Amino acid sequence: MLNIVLILVYSVVMLVFMAYPAMKIVEGIEKFAPIPDKWRNFTLIMTTIFLSLLIGLFLKFG
């Protein structure tokens, strides 16, 4: 349980820093296929959360 809490704490801190890379990833996806605004925002938010969780996992176990 403590591992999950620590991963989430690390991830919350990294949310701010992962916004820019997530924007660049979504822009790269848009070069191949146009994305509607509603799905663009959803994709951006999910990519930011995914990247933050990856960094949180790396900080905990890396």
PDB file of N, CA and C in Angstrom:
ATOM      1  N   MET A   1       0.821  -1.196   0.000  1.00  0.00           N
ATOM      2  CA  MET A   1       0.000   0.000   0.000  1.00  0.00           C
ATOM      3  C   MET A   1       0.867   1.263   0.000  1.00  0.00           C
ATOM      4  N   LEU A   2       1.945   1.198   0.786  1.00  0.00           N
ATOM      5  CA  LEU A   2       2.831   2.359   0.864  1.00  0.00           C
ATOM      6  C   LEU A   2       3.496   2.634  -0.481  1.00  0.00           C
ATOM      7  N   ASN A   3       3.818   1.583  -1.239  1.00  0.00           N
ATOM      8  CA  ASN A   3       4.426   1.774  -2.554  1.00  0.00           C
ATOM      9  C   ASN A   3       3.482   2.522  -3.495  1.00  0.00           C
ATOM     10  N   ILE A   4       2.203   2.171  -3.463  1.00  0.00           N
ATOM     11  CA  ILE A   4       1.220   2.836  -4.324  1.00  0.00           C
ATOM     12  C   ILE A   4       1.093   4.307  -3.960  1.00  0.00           C
ATOM     13  N   VAL A   5       1.067   4.603  -2.671  1.00  0.00           N
ATOM     14  CA  VAL A   5       0.952   5.995  -2.226  1.00  0.00           C
ATOM     15  C   VAL A   5       2.179   6.794  -2.647  1.00  0.00           C
ATOM     16  N   LEU A   6       3.352   6.222  -2.504  1.00  0.00           N
ATOM     17  CA  LEU A   6       4.575   6.935  -2.897  1.00  0.00           C
ATOM     18  C   LEU A   6       4.620   7.169  -4.402  1.00  0.00           C
ATOM     19  N   ILE A   7       4.200   6.190  -5.186  1.00  0.00           N
ATOM     20  CA  ILE A   7       4.174   6.357  -6.640  1.00  0.00           C
ATOM     21  C   ILE A   7       3.218   7.486  -7.009  1.00  0.00           C
ATOM     22  N   LEU A   8       2.048   7.527  -6.377  1.00  0.00           N
ATOM     23  CA  LEU A   8       1.078   8.588  -6.676  1.00  0.00           C
ATOM     24  C   LEU A   8       1.581   9.959  -6.245  1.00  0.00           C
ATOM     25  N   VAL A   9       2.289  10.028  -5.118  1.00  0.00           N
ATOM     26  CA  VAL A   9       2.860  11.306  -4.673  1.00  0.00           C
ATOM     27  C   VAL A   9       3.899  11.797  -5.676  1.00  0.00           C
ATOM     28  N   TYR A  10       4.775  10.913  -6.111  1.00  0.00           N
ATOM     29  CA  TYR A  10       5.772  11.292  -7.112  1.00  0.00           C
ATOM     30  C   TYR A  10       5.098  11.721  -8.421  1.00  0.00           C
ATOM     31  N   SER A  11       4.041  11.026  -8.777  1.00  0.00           N
ATOM     32  CA  SER A  11       3.354  11.320 -10.037  1.00  0.00           C
ATOM     33  C   SER A  11       2.642  12.656 -10.003  1.00  0.00           C
ATOM     34  N   VAL A  12       2.039  12.998  -8.883  1.00  0.00           N
ATOM     35  CA  VAL A  12       1.332  14.279  -8.769  1.00  0.00           C
ATOM     36  C   VAL A  12       2.318  15.439  -8.942  1.00  0.00           C
ATOM     37  N   VAL A  13       3.492  15.288  -8.381  1.00  0.00           N
ATOM     38  CA  VAL A  13       4.502  16.341  -8.516  1.00  0.00           C
ATOM     39  C   VAL A  13       4.930  16.492  -9.979  1.00  0.00           C
ATOM     40  N   MET A  14       5.002  15.389 -10.704  1.00  0.00           N
ATOM     41  CA  MET A  14       5.476  15.418 -12.081  1.00  0.00           C
ATOM     42  C   MET A  14       4.408  15.820 -13.091  1.00  0.00           C
ATOM     43  N   LEU A  15       3.152  15.952 -12.682  1.00  0.00           N
ATOM     44  CA  LEU A  15       2.089  16.334 -13.610  1.00  0.00           C
ATOM     45  C   LEU A  15       2.405  17.650 -14.326  1.00  0.00           C
ATOM     46  N   VAL A  16       2.904  18.624 -13.582  1.00  0.00           N
ATOM     47  CA  VAL A  16       3.194  19.937 -14.159  1.00  0.00           C
ATOM     48  C   VAL A  16       4.303  19.834 -15.201  1.00  0.00           C
ATOM     49  N   PHE A  17       5.321  19.046 -14.903  1.00  0.00           N
ATOM     50  CA  PHE A  17       6.476  18.964 -15.787  1.00  0.00           C
ATOM     51  C   PHE A  17       6.223  18.100 -17.023  1.00  0.00           C
ATOM     52  N   MET A  18       5.243  17.224 -16.974  1.00  0.00           N
ATOM     53  CA  MET A  18       4.955  16.341 -18.099  1.00  0.00           C
ATOM     54  C   MET A  18       3.946  16.944 -19.077  1.00  0.00           C
ATOM     55  N   ALA A  19       3.431  18.127 -18.805  1.00  0.00           N
ATOM     56  CA  ALA A  19       2.452  18.741 -19.700  1.00  0.00           C
ATOM     57  C   ALA A  19       3.096  19.093 -21.048  1.00  0.00           C
ATOM     58  N   TYR A  20       4.288  19.648 -21.045  1.00  0.00           N
ATOM     59  CA  TYR A  20       4.942  20.038 -22.293  1.00  0.00           C
ATOM     60  C   TYR A  20       5.279  18.834 -23.174  1.00  0.00           C
ATOM     61  N   PRO A  21       5.904  17.773 -22.629  1.00  0.00           N
ATOM     62  CA  PRO A  21       6.144  16.603 -23.485  1.00  0.00           C
ATOM     63  C   PRO A  21       4.851  15.984 -24.014  1.00  0.00           C
ATOM     64  N   ALA A  22       3.789  16.008 -23.215  1.00  0.00           N
ATOM     65  CA  ALA A  22       2.513  15.464 -23.671  1.00  0.00           C
ATOM     66  C   ALA A  22       1.963  16.294 -24.831  1.00  0.00           C
ATOM     67  N   MET A  23       2.115  17.620 -24.762  1.00  0.00           N
ATOM     68  CA  MET A  23       1.664  18.468 -25.868  1.00  0.00           C
ATOM     69  C   MET A  23       2.427  18.141 -27.147  1.00  0.00           C
ATOM     70  N   LYS A  24       3.724  17.924 -27.029  1.00  0.00           N
ATOM     71  CA  LYS A  24       4.529  17.599 -28.202  1.00  0.00           C
ATOM     72  C   LYS A  24       4.151  16.232 -28.773  1.00  0.00           C
ATOM     73  N   ILE A  25       3.839  15.272 -27.919  1.00  0.00           N
ATOM     74  CA  ILE A  25       3.425  13.952 -28.389  1.00  0.00           C
ATOM     75  C   ILE A  25       2.101  14.049 -29.131  1.00  0.00           C
ATOM     76  N   VAL A  26       1.146  14.804 -28.581  1.00  0.00           N
ATOM     77  CA  VAL A  26      -0.156  14.954 -29.236  1.00  0.00           C
ATOM     78  C   VAL A  26      -0.006  15.704 -30.556  1.00  0.00           C
ATOM     79  N   GLU A  27       0.865  16.707 -30.613  1.00  0.00           N
ATOM     80  CA  GLU A  27       1.123  17.399 -31.879  1.00  0.00           C
ATOM     81  C   GLU A  27       1.701  16.437 -32.913  1.00  0.00           C
ATOM     82  N   GLY A  28       2.572  15.543 -32.479  1.00  0.00           N
ATOM     83  CA  GLY A  28       3.127  14.545 -33.390  1.00  0.00           C
ATOM     84  C   GLY A  28       2.068  13.592 -33.905  1.00  0.00           C
ATOM     85  N   ILE A  29       1.136  13.215 -33.043  1.00  0.00           N
ATOM     86  CA  ILE A  29       0.035  12.348 -33.472  1.00  0.00           C
ATOM     87  C   ILE A  29      -0.844  13.078 -34.478  1.00  0.00           C
ATOM     88  N   GLU A  30      -1.061  14.382 -34.261  1.00  0.00           N
ATOM     89  CA  GLU A  30      -1.905  15.160 -35.164  1.00  0.00           C
ATOM     90  C   GLU A  30      -1.299  15.310 -36.553  1.00  0.00           C
ATOM     91  N   LYS A  31      -0.003  15.164 -36.687  1.00  0.00           N
ATOM     92  CA  LYS A  31       0.618  15.241 -38.009  1.00  0.00           C
ATOM     93  C   LYS A  31       0.188  14.075 -38.896  1.00  0.00           C
ATOM     94  N   PHE A  32      -0.088  12.929 -38.269  1.00  0.00           N
ATOM     95  CA  PHE A  32      -0.478  11.748 -39.024  1.00  0.00           C
ATOM     96  C   PHE A  32      -1.982  11.648 -39.230  1.00  0.00           C
ATOM     97  N   ALA A  33      -2.750  12.067 -38.233  1.00  0.00           N
ATOM     98  CA  ALA A  33      -4.209  11.972 -38.339  1.00  0.00           C
ATOM     99  C   ALA A  33      -4.836  13.142 -37.580  1.00  0.00           C
ATOM    100  N   PRO A  34      -5.747  13.865 -38.211  1.00  0.00           N
ATOM    101  CA  PRO A  34      -6.394  14.974 -37.497  1.00  0.00           C
ATOM    102  C   PRO A  34      -7.254  14.455 -36.341  1.00  0.00           C
ATOM    103  N   ILE A  35      -7.201  15.173 -35.249  1.00  0.00           N
ATOM    104  CA  ILE A  35      -7.946  14.806 -34.051  1.00  0.00           C
ATOM    105  C   ILE A  35      -8.926  15.932 -33.737  1.00  0.00           C
ATOM    106  N   PRO A  36     -10.204  15.620 -33.488  1.00  0.00           N
ATOM    107  CA  PRO A  36     -11.145  16.670 -33.073  1.00  0.00           C
ATOM    108  C   PRO A  36     -10.713  17.285 -31.733  1.00  0.00           C
ATOM    109  N   ASP A  37     -11.150  18.520 -31.473  1.00  0.00           N
ATOM    110  CA  ASP A  37     -10.741  19.224 -30.256  1.00  0.00           C
ATOM    111  C   ASP A  37     -11.099  18.463 -28.986  1.00  0.00           C
ATOM    112  N   LYS A  38     -12.282  17.855 -28.964  1.00  0.00           N
ATOM    113  CA  LYS A  38     -12.697  17.116 -27.771  1.00  0.00           C
ATOM    114  C   LYS A  38     -11.736  15.956 -27.495  1.00  0.00           C
ATOM    115  N   TRP A  39     -11.382  15.208 -28.545  1.00  0.00           N
ATOM    116  CA  TRP A  39     -10.474  14.080 -28.366  1.00  0.00           C
ATOM    117  C   TRP A  39      -9.039  14.540 -28.162  1.00  0.00           C
ATOM    118  N   ARG A  40      -8.702  15.711 -28.709  1.00  0.00           N
ATOM    119  CA  ARG A  40      -7.350  16.239 -28.505  1.00  0.00           C
ATOM    120  C   ARG A  40      -7.126  16.542 -27.033  1.00  0.00           C
ATOM    121  N   ASN A  41      -8.091  17.200 -26.405  1.00  0.00           N
ATOM    122  CA  ASN A  41      -7.964  17.518 -24.981  1.00  0.00           C
ATOM    123  C   ASN A  41      -7.908  16.253 -24.132  1.00  0.00           C
ATOM    124  N   PHE A  42      -8.766  15.283 -24.450  1.00  0.00           N
ATOM    125  CA  PHE A  42      -8.763  14.020 -23.713  1.00  0.00           C
ATOM    126  C   PHE A  42      -7.423  13.301 -23.882  1.00  0.00           C
ATOM    127  N   THR A  43      -6.921  13.259 -25.108  1.00  0.00           N
ATOM    128  CA  THR A  43      -5.639  12.609 -25.381  1.00  0.00           C
ATOM    129  C   THR A  43      -4.504  13.317 -24.650  1.00  0.00           C
ATOM    130  N   LEU A  44      -4.545  14.630 -24.631  1.00  0.00           N
ATOM    131  CA  LEU A  44      -3.518  15.400 -23.936  1.00  0.00           C
ATOM    132  C   LEU A  44      -3.522  15.106 -22.444  1.00  0.00           C
ATOM    133  N   ILE A  45      -4.678  15.071 -21.836  1.00  0.00           N
ATOM    134  CA  ILE A  45      -4.773  14.814 -20.398  1.00  0.00           C
ATOM    135  C   ILE A  45      -4.327  13.389 -20.071  1.00  0.00           C
ATOM    136  N   MET A  46      -4.789  12.420 -20.865  1.00  0.00           N
ATOM    137  CA  MET A  46      -4.407  11.025 -20.612  1.00  0.00           C
ATOM    138  C   MET A  46      -2.906  10.803 -20.830  1.00  0.00           C
ATOM    139  N   THR A  47      -2.328  11.457 -21.830  1.00  0.00           N
ATOM    140  CA  THR A  47      -0.889  11.333 -22.068  1.00  0.00           C
ATOM    141  C   THR A  47      -0.101  11.947 -20.918  1.00  0.00           C
ATOM    142  N   THR A  48      -0.557  13.068 -20.405  1.00  0.00           N
ATOM    143  CA  THR A  48       0.109  13.706 -19.271  1.00  0.00           C
ATOM    144  C   THR A  48       0.070  12.805 -18.046  1.00  0.00           C
ATOM    145  N   ILE A  49      -1.077  12.223 -17.769  1.00  0.00           N
ATOM    146  CA  ILE A  49      -1.202  11.332 -16.614  1.00  0.00           C
ATOM    147  C   ILE A  49      -0.340  10.089 -16.804  1.00  0.00           C
ATOM    148  N   PHE A  50      -0.351   9.521 -18.011  1.00  0.00           N
ATOM    149  CA  PHE A  50       0.454   8.328 -18.292  1.00  0.00           C
ATOM    150  C   PHE A  50       1.947   8.608 -18.114  1.00  0.00           C
ATOM    151  N   LEU A  51       2.425   9.709 -18.654  1.00  0.00           N
ATOM    152  CA  LEU A  51       3.842  10.063 -18.508  1.00  0.00           C
ATOM    153  C   LEU A  51       4.203  10.306 -17.049  1.00  0.00           C
ATOM    154  N   SER A  52       3.318  10.950 -16.313  1.00  0.00           N
ATOM    155  CA  SER A  52       3.576  11.207 -14.890  1.00  0.00           C
ATOM    156  C   SER A  52       3.655   9.907 -14.105  1.00  0.00           C
ATOM    157  N   LEU A  53       2.751   8.970 -14.406  1.00  0.00           N
ATOM    158  CA  LEU A  53       2.809   7.681 -13.721  1.00  0.00           C
ATOM    159  C   LEU A  53       4.084   6.919 -14.068  1.00  0.00           C
ATOM    160  N   LEU A  54       4.526   7.011 -15.325  1.00  0.00           N
ATOM    161  CA  LEU A  54       5.779   6.358 -15.702  1.00  0.00           C
ATOM    162  C   LEU A  54       6.966   6.937 -14.937  1.00  0.00           C
ATOM    163  N   ILE A  55       7.005   8.252 -14.817  1.00  0.00           N
ATOM    164  CA  ILE A  55       8.092   8.894 -14.063  1.00  0.00           C
ATOM    165  C   ILE A  55       8.000   8.529 -12.586  1.00  0.00           C
ATOM    166  N   GLY A  56       6.777   8.487 -12.042  1.00  0.00           N
ATOM    167  CA  GLY A  56       6.597   8.084 -10.642  1.00  0.00           C
ATOM    168  C   GLY A  56       7.090   6.668 -10.399  1.00  0.00           C
ATOM    169  N   LEU A  57       6.783   5.758 -11.326  1.00  0.00           N
ATOM    170  CA  LEU A  57       7.275   4.376 -11.205  1.00  0.00           C
ATOM    171  C   LEU A  57       8.807   4.339 -11.278  1.00  0.00           C
ATOM    172  N   PHE A  58       9.358   5.118 -12.179  1.00  0.00           N
ATOM    173  CA  PHE A  58      10.821   5.153 -12.304  1.00  0.00           C
ATOM    174  C   PHE A  58      11.464   5.708 -11.038  1.00  0.00           C
ATOM    175  N   LEU A  59      10.884   6.763 -10.468  1.00  0.00           N
ATOM    176  CA  LEU A  59      11.470   7.342  -9.256  1.00  0.00           C
ATOM    177  C   LEU A  59      11.378   6.381  -8.067  1.00  0.00           C
ATOM    178  N   LYS A  60      10.335   5.603  -8.029  1.00  0.00           N
ATOM    179  CA  LYS A  60      10.173   4.655  -6.918  1.00  0.00           C
ATOM    180  C   LYS A  60      11.057   3.422  -7.070  1.00  0.00           C
ATOM    181  N   PHE A  61      11.070   2.830  -8.258  1.00  0.00           N
ATOM    182  CA  PHE A  61      11.752   1.567  -8.456  1.00  0.00           C
ATOM    183  C   PHE A  61      13.048   1.659  -9.249  1.00  0.00           C
ATOM    184  N   GLY A  62      13.338   2.817  -9.834  1.00  0.00           N
ATOM    185  CA  GLY A  62      14.524   2.950 -10.680  1.00  0.00           C
ATOM    186  C   GLY A  62      15.800   3.152  -9.933  1.00  0.00           C
TER     187      GLY A  62
END
